[in-house]
N, C-alpha and C. Protein backbone atom coordinates (compact mmCIF):
# COMPACT_ATOMS: atom_id res chain seq x y z
N MET A 1 -14.10 12.62 13.89
CA MET A 1 -14.49 12.40 12.50
C MET A 1 -13.41 11.58 11.80
N VAL A 2 -13.82 10.57 11.06
CA VAL A 2 -12.90 9.71 10.34
C VAL A 2 -12.64 10.33 8.97
N ARG A 3 -11.36 10.45 8.64
CA ARG A 3 -10.96 11.12 7.40
C ARG A 3 -10.59 10.10 6.34
N THR A 4 -10.92 10.41 5.09
CA THR A 4 -10.55 9.60 3.92
C THR A 4 -9.98 10.53 2.87
N GLU A 5 -8.93 10.08 2.23
CA GLU A 5 -8.31 10.86 1.16
C GLU A 5 -7.97 9.92 0.01
N ILE A 6 -8.26 10.33 -1.22
CA ILE A 6 -7.92 9.53 -2.40
C ILE A 6 -6.89 10.30 -3.21
N MET A 7 -5.82 9.59 -3.58
CA MET A 7 -4.74 10.21 -4.34
C MET A 7 -4.45 9.40 -5.60
N ASN A 8 -4.10 10.09 -6.67
CA ASN A 8 -3.69 9.43 -7.91
C ASN A 8 -2.23 9.00 -7.83
N VAL A 9 -1.93 7.89 -8.49
CA VAL A 9 -0.55 7.41 -8.61
C VAL A 9 -0.31 7.19 -10.11
N HIS A 10 0.22 8.24 -10.77
CA HIS A 10 0.48 8.16 -12.21
C HIS A 10 1.90 8.54 -12.58
N THR A 11 2.67 9.09 -11.63
CA THR A 11 4.06 9.48 -11.87
C THR A 11 4.89 9.19 -10.63
N SER A 12 6.20 9.25 -10.78
CA SER A 12 7.08 9.08 -9.62
C SER A 12 6.85 10.19 -8.60
N ALA A 13 6.52 11.39 -9.06
CA ALA A 13 6.23 12.49 -8.13
C ALA A 13 4.99 12.17 -7.28
N ASP A 14 4.03 11.44 -7.86
CA ASP A 14 2.86 11.04 -7.09
C ASP A 14 3.24 10.10 -5.95
N ILE A 15 4.22 9.25 -6.17
CA ILE A 15 4.68 8.33 -5.12
C ILE A 15 5.24 9.13 -3.95
N VAL A 16 5.99 10.18 -4.25
CA VAL A 16 6.53 11.05 -3.20
C VAL A 16 5.38 11.70 -2.42
N ARG A 17 4.36 12.17 -3.14
CA ARG A 17 3.21 12.80 -2.48
C ARG A 17 2.45 11.78 -1.61
N VAL A 18 2.32 10.56 -2.08
CA VAL A 18 1.66 9.51 -1.30
C VAL A 18 2.45 9.26 -0.02
N ARG A 19 3.77 9.13 -0.14
CA ARG A 19 4.60 8.91 1.05
C ARG A 19 4.39 10.03 2.07
N GLN A 20 4.40 11.27 1.59
CA GLN A 20 4.23 12.43 2.48
C GLN A 20 2.87 12.42 3.16
N ALA A 21 1.82 12.13 2.40
CA ALA A 21 0.46 12.11 2.95
C ALA A 21 0.29 10.98 3.96
N VAL A 22 0.86 9.82 3.66
CA VAL A 22 0.77 8.68 4.57
C VAL A 22 1.53 8.99 5.86
N ARG A 23 2.72 9.56 5.74
CA ARG A 23 3.48 9.92 6.95
C ARG A 23 2.70 10.93 7.79
N GLN A 24 2.13 11.94 7.13
CA GLN A 24 1.38 12.97 7.85
C GLN A 24 0.20 12.35 8.59
N MET A 25 -0.54 11.47 7.94
CA MET A 25 -1.69 10.86 8.59
C MET A 25 -1.23 9.96 9.75
N ALA A 26 -0.12 9.24 9.57
CA ALA A 26 0.41 8.38 10.64
C ALA A 26 0.83 9.22 11.84
N VAL A 27 1.42 10.38 11.59
CA VAL A 27 1.81 11.29 12.68
C VAL A 27 0.57 11.80 13.40
N GLU A 28 -0.44 12.23 12.63
CA GLU A 28 -1.67 12.75 13.22
C GLU A 28 -2.39 11.69 14.06
N LEU A 29 -2.25 10.42 13.66
CA LEU A 29 -2.88 9.33 14.41
C LEU A 29 -2.00 8.89 15.58
N LYS A 30 -0.87 9.57 15.75
CA LYS A 30 0.05 9.34 16.87
C LYS A 30 0.70 7.96 16.87
N PHE A 31 0.99 7.44 15.67
CA PHE A 31 1.80 6.23 15.57
C PHE A 31 3.22 6.59 15.99
N GLY A 32 3.91 5.65 16.61
CA GLY A 32 5.30 5.86 16.96
C GLY A 32 6.17 5.88 15.72
N LEU A 33 7.41 6.31 15.87
CA LEU A 33 8.32 6.47 14.74
C LEU A 33 8.55 5.15 13.99
N VAL A 34 8.69 4.06 14.73
CA VAL A 34 8.92 2.75 14.07
C VAL A 34 7.72 2.38 13.22
N ASP A 35 6.51 2.52 13.77
CA ASP A 35 5.31 2.19 13.00
C ASP A 35 5.11 3.16 11.83
N GLN A 36 5.44 4.43 12.03
CA GLN A 36 5.36 5.39 10.91
C GLN A 36 6.25 4.91 9.77
N THR A 37 7.45 4.50 10.11
CA THR A 37 8.42 4.04 9.09
C THR A 37 7.89 2.80 8.39
N LYS A 38 7.32 1.86 9.13
CA LYS A 38 6.77 0.65 8.53
C LYS A 38 5.64 0.99 7.56
N ILE A 39 4.74 1.87 7.99
CA ILE A 39 3.59 2.24 7.16
C ILE A 39 4.06 2.94 5.88
N VAL A 40 4.97 3.90 6.03
CA VAL A 40 5.45 4.65 4.86
C VAL A 40 6.22 3.73 3.91
N THR A 41 7.00 2.81 4.46
CA THR A 41 7.76 1.87 3.61
C THR A 41 6.80 0.99 2.81
N ALA A 42 5.80 0.43 3.48
CA ALA A 42 4.82 -0.40 2.77
C ALA A 42 4.07 0.41 1.72
N ALA A 43 3.67 1.62 2.07
CA ALA A 43 2.94 2.48 1.13
C ALA A 43 3.80 2.80 -0.09
N SER A 44 5.08 3.08 0.14
CA SER A 44 5.98 3.40 -0.95
C SER A 44 6.13 2.22 -1.91
N GLU A 45 6.31 1.03 -1.35
CA GLU A 45 6.46 -0.17 -2.18
C GLU A 45 5.20 -0.42 -3.01
N LEU A 46 4.05 -0.31 -2.37
CA LEU A 46 2.80 -0.60 -3.08
C LEU A 46 2.45 0.48 -4.08
N ALA A 47 2.76 1.74 -3.78
CA ALA A 47 2.54 2.81 -4.74
C ALA A 47 3.43 2.60 -5.97
N ARG A 48 4.67 2.19 -5.73
CA ARG A 48 5.60 1.92 -6.83
C ARG A 48 5.08 0.77 -7.69
N ASN A 49 4.57 -0.28 -7.05
CA ASN A 49 3.99 -1.40 -7.81
C ASN A 49 2.78 -0.95 -8.62
N THR A 50 1.95 -0.09 -8.02
CA THR A 50 0.77 0.42 -8.72
C THR A 50 1.18 1.13 -10.00
N LEU A 51 2.25 1.90 -9.91
CA LEU A 51 2.74 2.64 -11.08
C LEU A 51 3.44 1.71 -12.07
N ASP A 52 4.42 0.94 -11.57
CA ASP A 52 5.27 0.15 -12.46
C ASP A 52 4.56 -1.03 -13.11
N TYR A 53 3.75 -1.74 -12.34
CA TYR A 53 3.12 -2.96 -12.85
C TYR A 53 1.67 -2.76 -13.23
N GLY A 54 1.00 -1.81 -12.60
CA GLY A 54 -0.42 -1.59 -12.89
C GLY A 54 -0.67 -0.45 -13.84
N GLY A 55 0.40 0.27 -14.22
CA GLY A 55 0.25 1.39 -15.13
C GLY A 55 -0.35 2.63 -14.48
N GLY A 56 -0.36 2.66 -13.15
CA GLY A 56 -0.93 3.78 -12.41
C GLY A 56 -2.29 3.41 -11.85
N GLY A 57 -2.73 4.21 -10.91
CA GLY A 57 -4.02 3.94 -10.27
C GLY A 57 -4.28 4.93 -9.16
N THR A 58 -4.87 4.45 -8.09
CA THR A 58 -5.19 5.31 -6.96
C THR A 58 -4.80 4.64 -5.65
N VAL A 59 -4.67 5.47 -4.62
CA VAL A 59 -4.52 4.98 -3.26
C VAL A 59 -5.53 5.75 -2.41
N LYS A 60 -6.24 5.00 -1.57
CA LYS A 60 -7.18 5.61 -0.64
C LYS A 60 -6.60 5.47 0.76
N LEU A 61 -6.48 6.60 1.47
CA LEU A 61 -6.00 6.63 2.84
C LEU A 61 -7.22 6.82 3.74
N GLU A 62 -7.38 5.95 4.72
CA GLU A 62 -8.54 6.02 5.61
C GLU A 62 -8.13 5.88 7.06
N GLU A 63 -8.58 6.82 7.88
CA GLU A 63 -8.45 6.66 9.32
C GLU A 63 -9.47 5.63 9.75
N LEU A 64 -9.10 4.78 10.70
CA LEU A 64 -10.02 3.77 11.22
C LEU A 64 -10.23 3.97 12.70
N GLU A 65 -11.45 3.70 13.14
CA GLU A 65 -11.75 3.67 14.57
C GLU A 65 -12.58 2.43 14.84
N SER A 66 -12.16 1.65 15.82
CA SER A 66 -12.90 0.47 16.22
C SER A 66 -12.84 0.42 17.74
N GLY A 67 -13.89 0.92 18.37
CA GLY A 67 -13.87 1.06 19.82
C GLY A 67 -12.77 2.05 20.20
N SER A 68 -11.86 1.61 21.05
CA SER A 68 -10.76 2.49 21.46
C SER A 68 -9.57 2.40 20.51
N ARG A 69 -9.62 1.46 19.58
CA ARG A 69 -8.51 1.28 18.64
C ARG A 69 -8.60 2.28 17.50
N ARG A 70 -7.43 2.75 17.09
CA ARG A 70 -7.36 3.61 15.90
C ARG A 70 -6.37 2.99 14.95
N GLY A 71 -6.58 3.24 13.69
CA GLY A 71 -5.68 2.67 12.71
C GLY A 71 -5.70 3.44 11.41
N LEU A 72 -4.94 2.90 10.46
CA LEU A 72 -4.81 3.51 9.14
C LEU A 72 -4.93 2.41 8.10
N ARG A 73 -5.86 2.60 7.17
CA ARG A 73 -6.04 1.65 6.06
C ARG A 73 -5.61 2.34 4.77
N LEU A 74 -4.86 1.62 3.96
CA LEU A 74 -4.45 2.10 2.64
C LEU A 74 -4.90 1.09 1.60
N VAL A 75 -5.58 1.58 0.57
CA VAL A 75 -6.10 0.72 -0.49
C VAL A 75 -5.50 1.18 -1.82
N PHE A 76 -4.70 0.33 -2.43
CA PHE A 76 -4.04 0.63 -3.70
C PHE A 76 -4.78 -0.13 -4.80
N GLU A 77 -5.24 0.61 -5.83
CA GLU A 77 -5.98 -0.02 -6.92
C GLU A 77 -5.43 0.40 -8.26
N ASP A 78 -5.38 -0.56 -9.18
CA ASP A 78 -5.02 -0.25 -10.56
C ASP A 78 -5.89 -1.08 -11.49
N GLN A 79 -5.88 -0.71 -12.75
CA GLN A 79 -6.60 -1.46 -13.77
C GLN A 79 -5.60 -2.08 -14.75
N GLY A 80 -4.48 -2.54 -14.19
CA GLY A 80 -3.41 -3.12 -15.00
C GLY A 80 -3.70 -4.55 -15.41
N PRO A 81 -2.64 -5.27 -15.80
CA PRO A 81 -2.81 -6.63 -16.33
C PRO A 81 -3.16 -7.68 -15.28
N GLY A 82 -3.01 -7.34 -13.99
CA GLY A 82 -3.26 -8.32 -12.94
C GLY A 82 -2.02 -9.17 -12.69
N ILE A 83 -2.08 -9.96 -11.64
CA ILE A 83 -0.95 -10.81 -11.24
C ILE A 83 -1.34 -12.25 -11.54
N PRO A 84 -0.59 -12.92 -12.44
CA PRO A 84 -0.97 -14.27 -12.84
C PRO A 84 -0.91 -15.30 -11.71
N ASP A 85 0.07 -15.19 -10.82
CA ASP A 85 0.25 -16.18 -9.76
C ASP A 85 0.50 -15.45 -8.44
N LEU A 86 -0.57 -15.23 -7.67
CA LEU A 86 -0.46 -14.48 -6.42
C LEU A 86 0.45 -15.18 -5.42
N GLU A 87 0.35 -16.48 -5.32
CA GLU A 87 1.17 -17.22 -4.36
C GLU A 87 2.65 -16.99 -4.65
N LEU A 88 3.02 -17.07 -5.91
CA LEU A 88 4.40 -16.83 -6.31
C LEU A 88 4.80 -15.37 -6.07
N ALA A 89 3.91 -14.45 -6.40
CA ALA A 89 4.21 -13.02 -6.25
C ALA A 89 4.42 -12.63 -4.79
N LEU A 90 3.84 -13.39 -3.86
CA LEU A 90 3.97 -13.09 -2.44
C LEU A 90 5.20 -13.74 -1.80
N LYS A 91 5.97 -14.50 -2.58
CA LYS A 91 7.18 -15.13 -2.03
C LYS A 91 8.33 -14.13 -1.99
N ASP A 92 9.07 -14.16 -0.88
CA ASP A 92 10.26 -13.32 -0.77
C ASP A 92 11.20 -13.62 -1.92
N GLY A 93 11.72 -12.56 -2.53
CA GLY A 93 12.71 -12.72 -3.59
C GLY A 93 12.12 -12.82 -4.98
N TYR A 94 10.80 -13.01 -5.10
CA TYR A 94 10.20 -13.08 -6.43
C TYR A 94 10.06 -11.68 -6.99
N THR A 95 10.55 -11.49 -8.20
CA THR A 95 10.41 -10.19 -8.85
C THR A 95 10.29 -10.38 -10.36
N THR A 96 9.55 -9.49 -10.99
CA THR A 96 9.51 -9.46 -12.44
C THR A 96 10.17 -8.18 -12.94
N GLY A 97 10.63 -7.35 -11.99
CA GLY A 97 11.15 -6.05 -12.38
C GLY A 97 12.61 -5.82 -12.04
N GLY A 98 13.32 -6.84 -11.62
CA GLY A 98 14.74 -6.66 -11.34
C GLY A 98 15.05 -6.12 -9.96
N GLY A 99 14.02 -5.94 -9.11
CA GLY A 99 14.26 -5.45 -7.75
C GLY A 99 14.60 -6.59 -6.82
N LEU A 100 14.49 -6.34 -5.53
CA LEU A 100 14.81 -7.35 -4.52
C LEU A 100 13.68 -8.34 -4.31
N GLY A 101 12.50 -8.05 -4.85
CA GLY A 101 11.39 -8.96 -4.68
C GLY A 101 10.81 -8.95 -3.28
N MET A 102 10.86 -7.80 -2.62
CA MET A 102 10.36 -7.70 -1.26
C MET A 102 9.12 -6.82 -1.15
N GLY A 103 8.65 -6.29 -2.26
CA GLY A 103 7.54 -5.33 -2.23
C GLY A 103 6.28 -5.87 -1.60
N LEU A 104 5.68 -6.91 -2.19
CA LEU A 104 4.44 -7.45 -1.66
C LEU A 104 4.66 -8.18 -0.34
N SER A 105 5.63 -9.08 -0.31
CA SER A 105 5.86 -9.86 0.91
C SER A 105 6.35 -8.97 2.05
N GLY A 106 7.19 -8.01 1.73
CA GLY A 106 7.68 -7.07 2.75
C GLY A 106 6.56 -6.21 3.30
N SER A 107 5.70 -5.73 2.41
CA SER A 107 4.57 -4.91 2.84
C SER A 107 3.65 -5.71 3.74
N LYS A 108 3.46 -6.97 3.41
CA LYS A 108 2.60 -7.84 4.21
C LYS A 108 3.17 -7.98 5.63
N ARG A 109 4.47 -8.16 5.74
CA ARG A 109 5.12 -8.32 7.06
C ARG A 109 5.08 -7.03 7.88
N LEU A 110 5.12 -5.89 7.24
CA LEU A 110 5.19 -4.61 7.95
C LEU A 110 3.86 -4.18 8.55
N MET A 111 2.77 -4.74 8.05
CA MET A 111 1.45 -4.27 8.45
C MET A 111 0.72 -5.34 9.28
N ASN A 112 -0.38 -4.94 9.95
CA ASN A 112 -1.18 -5.88 10.74
C ASN A 112 -2.14 -6.69 9.86
N GLU A 113 -2.64 -6.07 8.81
CA GLU A 113 -3.57 -6.74 7.91
C GLU A 113 -3.12 -6.49 6.47
N PHE A 114 -3.31 -7.50 5.62
CA PHE A 114 -2.90 -7.42 4.22
C PHE A 114 -3.87 -8.27 3.41
N GLU A 115 -4.42 -7.68 2.37
CA GLU A 115 -5.31 -8.42 1.47
C GLU A 115 -5.00 -8.00 0.05
N ILE A 116 -4.95 -8.98 -0.83
CA ILE A 116 -4.71 -8.67 -2.24
C ILE A 116 -5.72 -9.44 -3.10
N VAL A 117 -6.31 -8.72 -4.04
CA VAL A 117 -7.22 -9.31 -5.01
C VAL A 117 -6.72 -8.87 -6.38
N SER A 118 -6.50 -9.85 -7.25
CA SER A 118 -6.00 -9.52 -8.58
C SER A 118 -6.73 -10.38 -9.62
N ARG A 119 -7.17 -9.72 -10.68
CA ARG A 119 -7.84 -10.43 -11.76
C ARG A 119 -7.12 -10.12 -13.06
N LEU A 120 -6.75 -11.16 -13.79
CA LEU A 120 -6.03 -10.96 -15.05
C LEU A 120 -6.85 -10.10 -16.00
N GLY A 121 -6.20 -9.09 -16.54
CA GLY A 121 -6.84 -8.19 -17.49
C GLY A 121 -7.73 -7.13 -16.84
N GLU A 122 -7.89 -7.17 -15.52
CA GLU A 122 -8.77 -6.22 -14.84
C GLU A 122 -8.05 -5.36 -13.81
N GLY A 123 -6.99 -5.87 -13.22
CA GLY A 123 -6.25 -5.06 -12.26
C GLY A 123 -6.07 -5.73 -10.92
N THR A 124 -5.49 -4.96 -10.01
CA THR A 124 -5.11 -5.45 -8.69
C THR A 124 -5.54 -4.45 -7.63
N CYS A 125 -5.97 -4.96 -6.49
CA CYS A 125 -6.32 -4.14 -5.34
C CYS A 125 -5.62 -4.72 -4.12
N VAL A 126 -4.77 -3.91 -3.48
CA VAL A 126 -4.07 -4.32 -2.28
C VAL A 126 -4.54 -3.42 -1.14
N THR A 127 -4.98 -4.04 -0.05
CA THR A 127 -5.45 -3.32 1.13
C THR A 127 -4.54 -3.68 2.31
N ILE A 128 -4.00 -2.65 2.96
CA ILE A 128 -3.15 -2.87 4.13
C ILE A 128 -3.69 -2.03 5.30
N VAL A 129 -3.52 -2.55 6.51
CA VAL A 129 -4.00 -1.85 7.70
C VAL A 129 -2.94 -1.94 8.78
N LYS A 130 -2.73 -0.84 9.48
CA LYS A 130 -1.87 -0.81 10.66
C LYS A 130 -2.73 -0.28 11.80
N TRP A 131 -2.79 -1.05 12.92
CA TRP A 131 -3.51 -0.62 14.11
C TRP A 131 -2.55 -0.07 15.11
N LYS A 132 -3.01 0.89 15.88
CA LYS A 132 -2.21 1.51 16.92
C LYS A 132 -2.45 0.81 18.24
């Protein structure tokens, strides 16, 4: 049975809960330690962006099965201001918040699949997938 879980991201404590839930699901799917770390790191960055830039939102955790392949999909959604320039936002080192500017681009590198849709005034949806 494929499992799906939806979690709110409205406080820093929610980010901790997301990290824990993502790690637990990655362990249950038998990802190795390196891949667990990559998935949790990407999830943490994107959950933080959902809170800091999107004003909060949700993350959906989904187990994936495709033939013999298994994976984990995470979908981060907010109804924030949106990202004015996606190409710029995906460049290493670009930040509007004083960080290292590795959140979006780093998350993209850590995962097998990465998709971002952002509409000004409507919000942002980032989908990441890691296959085993």
